[in-house]
Amino acid sequence: MSNEIKPAQDYRATLIAGGMSKDNADNLVAYLDDKKPVENDIEKLLVSDLKIQMAEALSPSWIIRELRKIATGSDKRAAVSALRMLYDLNIRLRYPEPDFCVKDRQ
């Protein structure tokens, strides 16, 4: 048994973390686990792949991960915008506000 994370596991975890039910995530990524994909049915495989990409792109965890990548990038303007969006998401999703004031804790 390999310790390597397979694409189906990665997609499944991202979709579930984004709020999708386990059953729906399993249905979307089932074709990735298929040992013998349907031969000559490339259209079905492409549609399944696009569905996963769309669901992943709409999940909050994917959006946050991508914004973090932009925030640490070399484009300063994009980084500031990404940080602003992350802050706004933090407020809208009602996560606790980060506490940067060390002296207030003493």
Protein backbone atom coordinates (compact mmCIF):
# COMPACT_ATOMS: atom_id res chain seq x y z
CA MET A 1 0.00 0.00 0.00
CA SER A 2 1.41 3.36 -1.04
CA ASN A 3 1.53 6.42 1.22
CA GLU A 4 1.18 8.67 -1.81
CA ILE A 5 -1.93 10.86 -1.91
CA LYS A 6 -3.88 10.11 -5.05
CA PRO A 7 -5.72 12.82 -7.03
CA ALA A 8 -9.10 11.37 -6.06
CA GLN A 9 -8.22 11.62 -2.36
CA ASP A 10 -6.99 15.20 -2.75
CA TYR A 11 -10.08 16.33 -4.67
CA ARG A 12 -12.39 14.47 -2.27
CA ALA A 13 -10.79 16.15 0.76
CA THR A 14 -10.98 19.60 -0.82
CA LEU A 15 -14.63 19.19 -1.78
CA ILE A 16 -15.62 17.91 1.66
CA ALA A 17 -13.65 20.71 3.36
CA GLY A 18 -15.56 23.14 1.15
CA GLY A 19 -18.88 21.88 2.53
CA MET A 20 -19.88 19.22 0.03
CA SER A 21 -21.36 16.02 1.45
CA LYS A 22 -19.15 12.93 1.39
CA ASP A 23 -21.59 11.11 -0.92
CA ASN A 24 -21.61 13.94 -3.47
CA ALA A 25 -17.82 14.24 -3.35
CA ASP A 26 -17.49 10.47 -3.80
CA ASN A 27 -19.81 10.57 -6.81
CA LEU A 28 -17.84 13.38 -8.44
CA VAL A 29 -14.44 11.72 -8.06
CA ALA A 30 -15.53 8.12 -8.65
CA TYR A 31 -14.13 8.08 -12.19
CA LEU A 32 -10.64 8.82 -10.81
CA ASP A 33 -10.78 5.63 -8.72
CA ASP A 34 -11.95 3.53 -11.66
CA LYS A 35 -9.35 0.89 -12.47
CA LYS A 36 -10.68 0.44 -16.02
CA PRO A 37 -11.98 3.76 -17.33
CA VAL A 38 -14.60 3.61 -20.00
CA GLU A 39 -12.69 3.20 -23.22
CA ASN A 40 -13.48 5.52 -26.10
CA ASP A 41 -15.65 7.70 -23.88
CA ILE A 42 -13.37 10.71 -23.62
CA GLU A 43 -16.34 13.08 -23.52
CA LYS A 44 -17.61 11.47 -20.31
CA LEU A 45 -14.15 11.70 -18.73
CA LEU A 46 -13.76 15.36 -19.72
CA VAL A 47 -17.19 16.26 -18.35
CA SER A 48 -16.40 14.48 -15.07
CA ASP A 49 -13.09 16.31 -14.82
CA LEU A 50 -14.71 19.69 -15.49
CA LYS A 51 -17.36 19.03 -12.84
CA ILE A 52 -14.64 18.38 -10.27
CA GLN A 53 -12.73 21.50 -11.29
CA MET A 54 -15.86 23.66 -11.02
CA ALA A 55 -16.85 22.23 -7.64
CA GLU A 56 -13.32 22.68 -6.33
CA ALA A 57 -13.10 26.25 -7.61
CA LEU A 58 -16.31 27.11 -5.77
CA SER A 59 -15.17 25.65 -2.44
CA PRO A 60 -14.03 28.14 0.19
CA SER A 61 -10.94 26.10 1.04
CA TRP A 62 -9.72 26.21 -2.57
CA ILE A 63 -10.39 29.96 -2.83
CA ILE A 64 -8.51 30.63 0.41
CA ARG A 65 -5.59 28.42 -0.66
CA GLU A 66 -5.29 30.25 -3.99
CA LEU A 67 -5.52 33.68 -2.35
CA ARG A 68 -2.74 32.67 0.06
CA LYS A 69 -0.53 31.72 -2.89
CA ILE A 70 -1.17 35.11 -4.49
CA ALA A 71 -0.52 36.90 -1.18
CA THR A 72 2.94 35.33 -0.95
CA GLY A 73 3.81 36.00 -4.58
CA SER A 74 6.15 38.60 -6.01
CA ASP A 75 3.44 40.92 -7.41
CA LYS A 76 2.96 43.36 -4.54
CA ARG A 77 -0.27 44.85 -5.87
CA ALA A 78 -1.84 41.40 -6.31
CA ALA A 79 -0.57 40.38 -2.86
CA VAL A 80 -2.23 43.38 -1.20
CA SER A 81 -5.49 42.68 -3.03
CA ALA A 82 -5.36 39.01 -2.03
CA LEU A 83 -4.74 39.94 1.61
CA ARG A 84 -7.67 42.35 1.49
CA MET A 85 -9.91 39.62 0.07
CA LEU A 86 -8.72 37.14 2.71
CA TYR A 87 -9.52 39.68 5.41
CA ASP A 88 -12.98 40.29 3.94
CA LEU A 89 -13.63 36.53 3.77
CA ASN A 90 -12.51 36.25 7.37
CA ILE A 91 -15.08 38.87 8.40
CA ARG A 92 -17.89 37.43 6.24
CA LEU A 93 -17.29 33.86 7.38
CA ARG A 94 -17.13 35.16 10.96
CA TYR A 95 -13.79 33.68 11.87
CA PRO A 96 -12.19 35.24 14.95
CA GLU A 97 -10.23 38.37 14.14
CA PRO A 98 -6.47 37.87 14.35
CA ASP A 99 -4.90 39.36 17.46
CA PHE A 100 -1.68 41.18 16.62
CA CYS A 101 -1.55 43.34 19.77
CA VAL A 102 0.85 41.53 22.09
CA LYS A 103 0.89 44.24 24.76
CA ASP A 104 -2.92 44.01 25.22
CA ARG A 105 -2.58 40.36 26.30
CA GLN A 106 -0.27 41.10 29.24
